[in-house]
Amino acid sequence: MAFIHFSRFGKVRALISLLILSSLPLLTSFSRDDPSPGLRGPAFTDPSRVVEMPDEWVRRPIRHSPSLGDFDLVVTLDQHLFTPLRPLIDRYARMNKLRIFINEGTCGISAGMLVRKEVDVGGFCCAPGLNDRLPGLRFHTFGIDAIALIVHPENPIDNVTLTQARRIFMGEIHRWSELKTSTGERGPDIPIQPVGRLHCKLRPGHWRLLLDNEDLFSADLLEVGAIPDMISQVASNPGAIGYEVIWNTIRYREMGRVKVLRIDGYSPLDHDALVSGRYPLYRVYNLTTWQGRGVEDPRAERLVQYLLGQAEKVSKGHNIVPASRLKEAGWRFRGDELVGEPDK
């Protein structure tokens, strides 16, 4: 009988290997034209760059933690992927009579469990950084998701340019009255409070498409560590502005209501604008499998391919643009992995 178990890990054990590798530079690849050159961070890393690991590590097989019990597959997913993929994995487990343990975590937890070779499949809400590219690890892109700029629901501003957004988060635009609504009226004469969640600093894309690194953000940035805190801070402060994917503004609606801004006239809900590059901010969802003697499990590969095949159905409720549509639009792939934006 199929069985699936759900759990949330707390803290990740010390990842010495990742800390050593954290100084490796990121590569900017296939960047689009940008009105603010030098401010946008890299969107992807070079997939041909693989971290060198000791031979002992390379030969080590996948070993599930004994504390989990007896499972056929162990999967850890970033919090963005956990909600849409959990019912799909549950169904797949029943259909194929598999015992699958699935953990809800973060990109950091996925990276930690992969470097310890404790999981068969890992899930990320970002494109891989260079220190994620372990020997034998393959990335499969599920899709991309627009990152929305969010403000207090009573803020009359409904659109900003990408340049204005950057200047706001850099602290160069200080009050909402410096901006105008779509009808030409000035915004309220109150201070702007930028709010940021600076996660996954060593991974490309996500908030780094707005500003490359934390040093570029305003000294007045209110930094939060969790998604619910981002929503509550923006919902409770009439002057606040933050960023998050649309699904999380719905998922954490009990933390408060927020309003979504258009960027350069385009909504984060407009998939055509996102795919064509007119909407500039997004995150990349990836799943991993292992390839090679001692680590490869055909059951994990079949599970991931099944999930990729369900991406178009998932996209309707979670605002995800599936990899299949990106391929049709000319985004660059290496195998299943998204590695670059389309040429202009």
Protein backbone atom coordinates (compact mmCIF):
# COMPACT_ATOMS: atom_id res chain seq x y z
CA MET A 1 0.00 0.00 0.00
CA ALA A 2 1.31 3.47 -0.89
CA PHE A 3 2.29 5.71 1.96
CA ILE A 4 3.35 9.33 2.08
CA HIS A 5 4.58 11.26 5.09
CA PHE A 6 4.87 15.00 5.55
CA SER A 7 7.23 16.80 7.86
CA ARG A 8 8.91 20.17 8.40
CA PHE A 9 12.56 20.21 9.35
CA GLY A 10 13.74 22.88 11.79
CA LYS A 11 17.37 23.93 11.54
CA VAL A 12 19.81 22.52 9.05
CA ARG A 13 22.96 21.05 10.45
CA ALA A 14 26.21 22.88 9.79
CA LEU A 15 27.06 22.65 6.09
CA ILE A 16 30.84 23.01 6.11
CA SER A 17 31.21 22.14 2.46
CA LEU A 18 28.73 24.81 1.37
CA LEU A 19 30.39 27.45 3.52
CA ILE A 20 33.74 26.71 1.96
CA LEU A 21 32.25 26.99 -1.51
CA SER A 22 30.23 30.13 -0.80
CA SER A 23 32.99 32.40 -2.07
CA LEU A 24 32.66 31.09 -5.63
CA PRO A 25 31.51 33.82 -8.03
CA LEU A 26 28.20 33.73 -9.86
CA LEU A 27 28.13 34.02 -13.61
CA THR A 28 25.82 36.35 -15.48
CA SER A 29 24.45 34.45 -18.47
CA PHE A 30 22.16 35.48 -21.28
CA SER A 31 21.13 38.77 -19.59
CA ARG A 32 18.41 40.83 -21.21
CA ASP A 33 18.73 44.48 -22.13
CA ASP A 34 18.28 46.48 -18.96
CA PRO A 35 17.55 50.20 -18.36
CA SER A 36 19.78 50.18 -15.26
CA PRO A 37 22.99 48.32 -16.21
CA GLY A 38 25.07 47.21 -13.25
CA LEU A 39 22.11 46.97 -10.88
CA ARG A 40 20.52 43.76 -12.15
CA GLY A 41 22.13 40.60 -10.86
CA PRO A 42 22.73 37.38 -12.80
CA ALA A 43 19.71 35.35 -13.82
CA PHE A 44 21.48 31.98 -14.09
CA THR A 45 24.81 30.25 -13.53
CA ASP A 46 26.86 28.25 -15.99
CA PRO A 47 25.61 24.63 -15.88
CA SER A 48 29.00 23.34 -17.04
CA ARG A 49 30.65 24.53 -13.81
CA VAL A 50 30.45 21.69 -11.29
CA VAL A 51 31.77 21.84 -7.74
CA GLU A 52 34.81 19.67 -7.11
CA MET A 53 34.14 17.25 -4.27
CA PRO A 54 36.42 14.64 -2.66
CA ASP A 55 36.43 11.16 -4.24
CA GLU A 56 35.01 9.76 -1.00
CA TRP A 57 31.98 12.03 -1.36
CA VAL A 58 31.53 11.14 -5.05
CA ARG A 59 31.54 7.40 -4.25
CA ARG A 60 29.13 7.77 -1.34
CA PRO A 61 25.63 6.41 -2.14
CA ILE A 62 22.37 8.06 -1.17
CA ARG A 63 21.52 7.15 2.42
CA HIS A 64 18.24 8.27 3.94
CA SER A 65 18.43 9.42 7.54
CA PRO A 66 17.58 6.46 9.83
CA SER A 67 15.38 8.78 11.88
CA LEU A 68 12.89 8.95 8.99
CA GLY A 69 12.07 5.27 8.93
CA ASP A 70 11.80 3.01 5.92
CA PHE A 71 10.91 4.85 2.68
CA ASP A 72 11.46 4.15 -0.99
CA LEU A 73 12.13 7.80 -1.82
CA VAL A 74 12.87 10.88 0.24
CA VAL A 75 11.93 14.26 -1.23
CA THR A 76 12.56 17.72 0.22
CA LEU A 77 10.81 20.70 -1.37
CA ASP A 78 11.16 24.44 -1.01
CA GLN A 79 8.08 25.99 0.60
CA HIS A 80 6.90 27.37 -2.77
CA LEU A 81 6.83 23.92 -4.36
CA PHE A 82 5.53 21.98 -1.38
CA THR A 83 1.92 23.15 -1.59
CA PRO A 84 1.31 22.54 -5.34
CA LEU A 85 3.35 19.33 -5.57
CA ARG A 86 2.31 17.59 -2.37
CA PRO A 87 -1.03 16.25 -3.72
CA LEU A 88 0.64 15.18 -6.97
CA ILE A 89 3.31 13.20 -5.13
CA ASP A 90 0.64 11.69 -2.90
CA ARG A 91 -1.29 10.50 -5.95
CA TYR A 92 1.85 9.21 -7.66
CA ALA A 93 2.81 7.27 -4.53
CA ARG A 94 -0.61 5.58 -4.43
CA MET A 95 -0.57 4.76 -8.14
CA ASN A 96 2.89 3.22 -7.97
CA LYS A 97 2.70 1.66 -4.49
CA LEU A 98 5.65 3.67 -3.21
CA ARG A 99 6.48 4.91 0.26
CA ILE A 100 7.57 8.53 -0.21
CA PHE A 101 8.70 10.83 2.58
CA ILE A 102 8.26 14.50 1.65
CA ASN A 103 9.66 17.39 3.66
CA GLU A 104 8.65 21.04 3.45
CA GLY A 105 11.72 23.23 3.75
CA THR A 106 13.67 25.96 2.00
CA CYS A 107 16.33 26.16 -0.69
CA GLY A 108 18.92 26.01 2.08
CA ILE A 109 17.42 22.86 3.57
CA SER A 110 17.26 21.23 0.13
CA ALA A 111 20.89 22.15 -0.53
CA GLY A 112 21.97 20.80 2.86
CA MET A 113 20.22 17.45 2.46
CA LEU A 114 21.61 17.09 -1.07
CA VAL A 115 25.20 17.78 -0.03
CA ARG A 116 24.78 15.16 2.68
CA LYS A 117 23.25 12.79 0.08
CA GLU A 118 20.20 12.16 2.24
CA VAL A 119 17.50 12.77 -0.38
CA ASP A 120 16.56 11.45 -3.81
CA VAL A 121 14.82 14.64 -4.99
CA GLY A 122 15.36 18.26 -3.92
CA GLY A 123 13.23 21.29 -4.72
CA PHE A 124 14.37 24.92 -5.09
CA CYS A 125 12.60 28.25 -5.62
CA CYS A 126 15.72 29.64 -7.31
CA ALA A 127 18.01 28.83 -10.18
CA PRO A 128 21.01 26.92 -8.83
CA GLY A 129 24.06 28.76 -7.59
CA LEU A 130 27.49 27.41 -8.42
CA ASN A 131 27.75 25.78 -5.01
CA ASP A 132 24.53 23.85 -5.73
CA ARG A 133 26.00 22.14 -8.81
CA LEU A 134 27.25 18.98 -7.15
CA PRO A 135 28.75 16.08 -9.13
CA GLY A 136 25.97 13.85 -10.43
CA LEU A 137 23.18 16.30 -9.56
CA ARG A 138 20.79 17.24 -12.37
CA PHE A 139 18.32 20.14 -12.32
CA HIS A 140 14.87 19.99 -13.92
CA THR A 141 12.94 23.25 -14.27
CA PHE A 142 9.27 23.08 -13.32
CA GLY A 143 8.54 26.68 -14.36
CA ILE A 144 8.93 30.34 -13.42
CA ASP A 145 6.76 32.61 -11.29
CA ALA A 146 6.50 36.40 -11.43
CA ILE A 147 7.63 38.32 -8.36
CA ALA A 148 5.16 41.10 -7.62
CA LEU A 149 5.85 44.45 -5.99
CA ILE A 150 3.32 44.80 -3.16
CA VAL A 151 2.10 47.86 -1.24
CA HIS A 152 -0.54 48.75 1.34
CA PRO A 153 -4.06 48.32 -0.15
CA GLU A 154 -4.91 52.02 0.37
CA ASN A 155 -1.87 53.26 -1.56
CA PRO A 156 -3.23 54.91 -4.76
CA ILE A 157 -0.03 54.25 -6.73
CA ASP A 158 -0.74 51.40 -9.15
CA ASN A 159 2.28 51.38 -11.47
CA VAL A 160 6.01 52.06 -11.29
CA THR A 161 8.77 51.77 -13.83
CA LEU A 162 11.55 49.29 -13.20
CA THR A 163 13.94 52.23 -12.75
CA GLN A 164 11.62 53.80 -10.17
CA ALA A 165 11.36 50.48 -8.33
CA ARG A 166 15.12 50.24 -8.12
CA ARG A 167 15.45 53.83 -6.93
CA ILE A 168 12.83 53.17 -4.25
CA PHE A 169 14.68 50.15 -2.88
CA MET A 170 18.01 51.96 -3.15
CA GLY A 171 16.63 54.84 -1.07
CA GLU A 172 16.78 57.43 -3.86
CA ILE A 173 13.00 57.99 -3.91
CA HIS A 174 11.92 58.77 -0.37
CA ARG A 175 8.23 59.71 -0.42
CA TRP A 176 5.22 58.41 -2.31
CA SER A 177 4.41 61.96 -3.39
CA GLU A 178 7.42 61.76 -5.74
CA LEU A 179 5.40 59.30 -7.85
CA LYS A 180 2.13 59.65 -9.75
CA THR A 181 -0.91 57.44 -10.18
CA SER A 182 -2.15 56.30 -13.59
CA THR A 183 -4.51 59.32 -13.60
CA GLY A 184 -1.66 61.76 -13.03
CA GLU A 185 -2.26 62.49 -9.36
CA ARG A 186 0.61 62.49 -6.91
CA GLY A 187 0.89 59.76 -4.34
CA PRO A 188 0.37 60.44 -0.62
CA ASP A 189 2.95 62.64 1.07
CA ILE A 190 4.26 59.93 3.39
CA PRO A 191 7.70 58.26 3.67
CA ILE A 192 8.37 55.12 1.68
CA GLN A 193 9.38 52.11 3.78
CA PRO A 194 11.06 49.44 1.62
CA VAL A 195 10.77 45.90 2.98
CA GLY A 196 13.07 43.13 1.79
CA ARG A 197 13.53 39.40 2.27
CA LEU A 198 17.12 38.86 1.14
CA HIS A 199 17.09 35.07 0.93
CA CYS A 200 19.40 32.86 -1.17
CA LYS A 201 22.01 35.57 -1.65
CA LEU A 202 24.42 33.22 -3.44
CA ARG A 203 21.81 32.02 -5.92
CA PRO A 204 21.02 33.98 -9.10
CA GLY A 205 17.68 35.47 -10.09
CA HIS A 206 14.76 36.19 -7.70
CA TRP A 207 15.19 39.56 -5.87
CA ARG A 208 18.64 39.93 -7.41
CA LEU A 209 16.93 40.81 -10.71
CA LEU A 210 15.79 43.97 -8.95
CA LEU A 211 19.10 44.79 -7.24
CA ASP A 212 22.09 42.51 -7.44
CA ASN A 213 23.19 42.47 -3.80
CA GLU A 214 22.28 43.66 -0.33
CA ASP A 215 24.78 46.54 -0.45
CA LEU A 216 22.68 48.22 -3.15
CA PHE A 217 19.59 48.39 -0.92
CA SER A 218 18.72 51.43 1.17
CA ALA A 219 20.12 51.68 4.69
CA ASP A 220 16.48 52.13 5.71
CA LEU A 221 15.45 48.74 4.31
CA LEU A 222 13.34 46.79 6.78
CA GLU A 223 14.67 43.26 6.36
CA VAL A 224 12.42 40.31 7.20
CA GLY A 225 13.31 36.65 7.32
CA ALA A 226 10.01 34.96 6.48
CA ILE A 227 7.25 35.33 3.89
CA PRO A 228 4.44 35.90 6.45
CA ASP A 229 6.47 38.75 7.94
CA MET A 230 6.80 40.35 4.51
CA ILE A 231 3.03 40.25 4.03
CA SER A 232 2.22 41.55 7.51
CA GLN A 233 4.75 44.40 7.36
CA VAL A 234 3.44 45.67 4.03
CA ALA A 235 -0.22 45.18 4.97
CA SER A 236 0.15 47.15 8.21
CA ASN A 237 2.21 50.13 6.98
CA PRO A 238 0.63 52.62 4.50
CA GLY A 239 4.10 53.64 3.32
CA ALA A 240 5.55 50.16 2.83
CA ILE A 241 6.60 48.41 -0.37
CA GLY A 242 7.87 44.83 -0.63
CA TYR A 243 7.88 41.93 -3.05
CA GLU A 244 6.50 38.40 -3.18
CA VAL A 245 4.90 35.93 -5.59
CA ILE A 246 1.14 36.24 -5.99
CA TRP A 247 0.39 32.84 -4.49
CA ASN A 248 1.99 33.82 -1.18
CA THR A 249 -0.12 36.97 -0.91
CA ILE A 250 -3.14 34.65 -1.10
CA ARG A 251 -1.70 31.88 1.02
CA TYR A 252 -0.90 34.27 3.88
CA ARG A 253 -3.91 36.52 3.52
CA GLU A 254 -4.57 36.17 7.25
CA MET A 255 -1.43 38.27 7.75
CA GLY A 256 -3.13 41.19 5.99
CA ARG A 257 -4.23 42.47 2.60
CA VAL A 258 -1.76 43.91 0.10
CA LYS A 259 -2.02 45.52 -3.31
CA VAL A 260 -0.01 44.42 -6.35
CA LEU A 261 1.70 47.03 -8.55
CA ARG A 262 2.26 46.89 -12.28
CA ILE A 263 5.82 47.38 -13.53
CA ASP A 264 6.18 49.47 -16.69
CA GLY A 265 2.45 48.92 -17.21
CA TYR A 266 2.57 45.12 -16.97
CA SER A 267 0.91 42.97 -14.32
CA PRO A 268 2.71 40.03 -12.70
CA LEU A 269 -0.38 38.01 -13.65
CA ASP A 270 0.29 38.64 -17.35
CA HIS A 271 2.09 35.48 -18.50
CA ASP A 272 2.62 36.88 -21.99
CA ALA A 273 4.49 39.85 -20.52
CA LEU A 274 6.58 37.61 -18.29
CA VAL A 275 7.51 35.16 -21.05
CA SER A 276 8.40 37.97 -23.47
CA GLY A 277 10.57 39.78 -20.92
CA ARG A 278 8.36 42.84 -20.59
CA TYR A 279 7.67 41.91 -16.97
CA PRO A 280 11.16 41.77 -15.43
CA LEU A 281 11.04 39.96 -12.06
CA TYR A 282 10.62 36.23 -11.55
CA ARG A 283 11.83 33.20 -9.65
CA VAL A 284 12.69 29.77 -11.06
CA TYR A 285 11.36 26.50 -9.62
CA ASN A 286 13.67 23.49 -9.96
CA LEU A 287 13.65 19.83 -8.97
CA THR A 288 16.76 17.66 -8.78
CA THR A 289 17.66 14.04 -9.46
CA TRP A 290 20.92 12.13 -9.21
CA GLN A 291 22.80 10.56 -12.09
CA GLY A 292 25.58 8.03 -11.68
CA ARG A 293 26.50 4.78 -10.01
CA GLY A 294 25.33 4.49 -6.41
CA VAL A 295 23.16 7.60 -6.48
CA GLU A 296 20.81 7.20 -9.44
CA ASP A 297 17.35 5.84 -8.73
CA PRO A 298 15.04 5.34 -11.74
CA ARG A 299 12.04 5.73 -9.41
CA ALA A 300 13.11 9.28 -8.56
CA GLU A 301 13.63 10.14 -12.22
CA ARG A 302 10.17 8.81 -13.10
CA LEU A 303 8.61 10.80 -10.25
CA VAL A 304 10.21 14.05 -11.40
CA GLN A 305 9.21 13.48 -15.02
CA TYR A 306 5.65 12.86 -13.86
CA LEU A 307 5.68 16.14 -11.91
CA LEU A 308 7.07 18.06 -14.90
CA GLY A 309 4.26 16.64 -16.98
CA GLN A 310 1.71 18.08 -14.54
CA ALA A 311 3.17 21.62 -14.60
CA GLU A 312 0.56 23.07 -16.95
CA LYS A 313 -2.26 21.94 -14.64
CA VAL A 314 -0.53 23.37 -11.55
CA SER A 315 0.11 26.72 -13.24
CA LYS A 316 -3.57 27.68 -13.28
CA GLY A 317 -3.84 28.08 -9.52
CA HIS A 318 -0.29 29.16 -8.67
CA ASN A 319 0.56 31.63 -11.45
CA ILE A 320 3.45 29.42 -12.64
CA VAL A 321 4.54 29.56 -16.27
CA PRO A 322 5.47 25.93 -17.09
CA ALA A 323 8.78 24.99 -18.67
CA SER A 324 6.99 23.79 -21.81
CA ARG A 325 5.80 27.31 -22.59
CA LEU A 326 9.24 28.77 -21.93
CA LYS A 327 10.76 26.34 -24.42
CA GLU A 328 8.24 27.38 -27.05
CA ALA A 329 9.10 31.05 -26.44
CA GLY A 330 12.83 30.54 -26.96
CA TRP A 331 14.11 30.42 -23.39
CA ARG A 332 17.35 28.46 -23.24
CA PHE A 333 17.45 24.97 -21.79
CA ARG A 334 20.13 22.39 -21.27
CA GLY A 335 18.27 19.14 -20.98
CA ASP A 336 15.41 19.83 -18.59
CA GLU A 337 17.14 22.79 -16.93
CA LEU A 338 16.37 26.41 -17.76
CA VAL A 339 19.76 28.12 -18.18
CA GLY A 340 19.04 31.40 -19.99
CA GLU A 341 16.54 33.98 -21.10
CA PRO A 342 15.53 34.25 -24.78
CA ASP A 343 17.56 36.36 -27.14
CA LYS A 344 16.16 39.77 -27.91
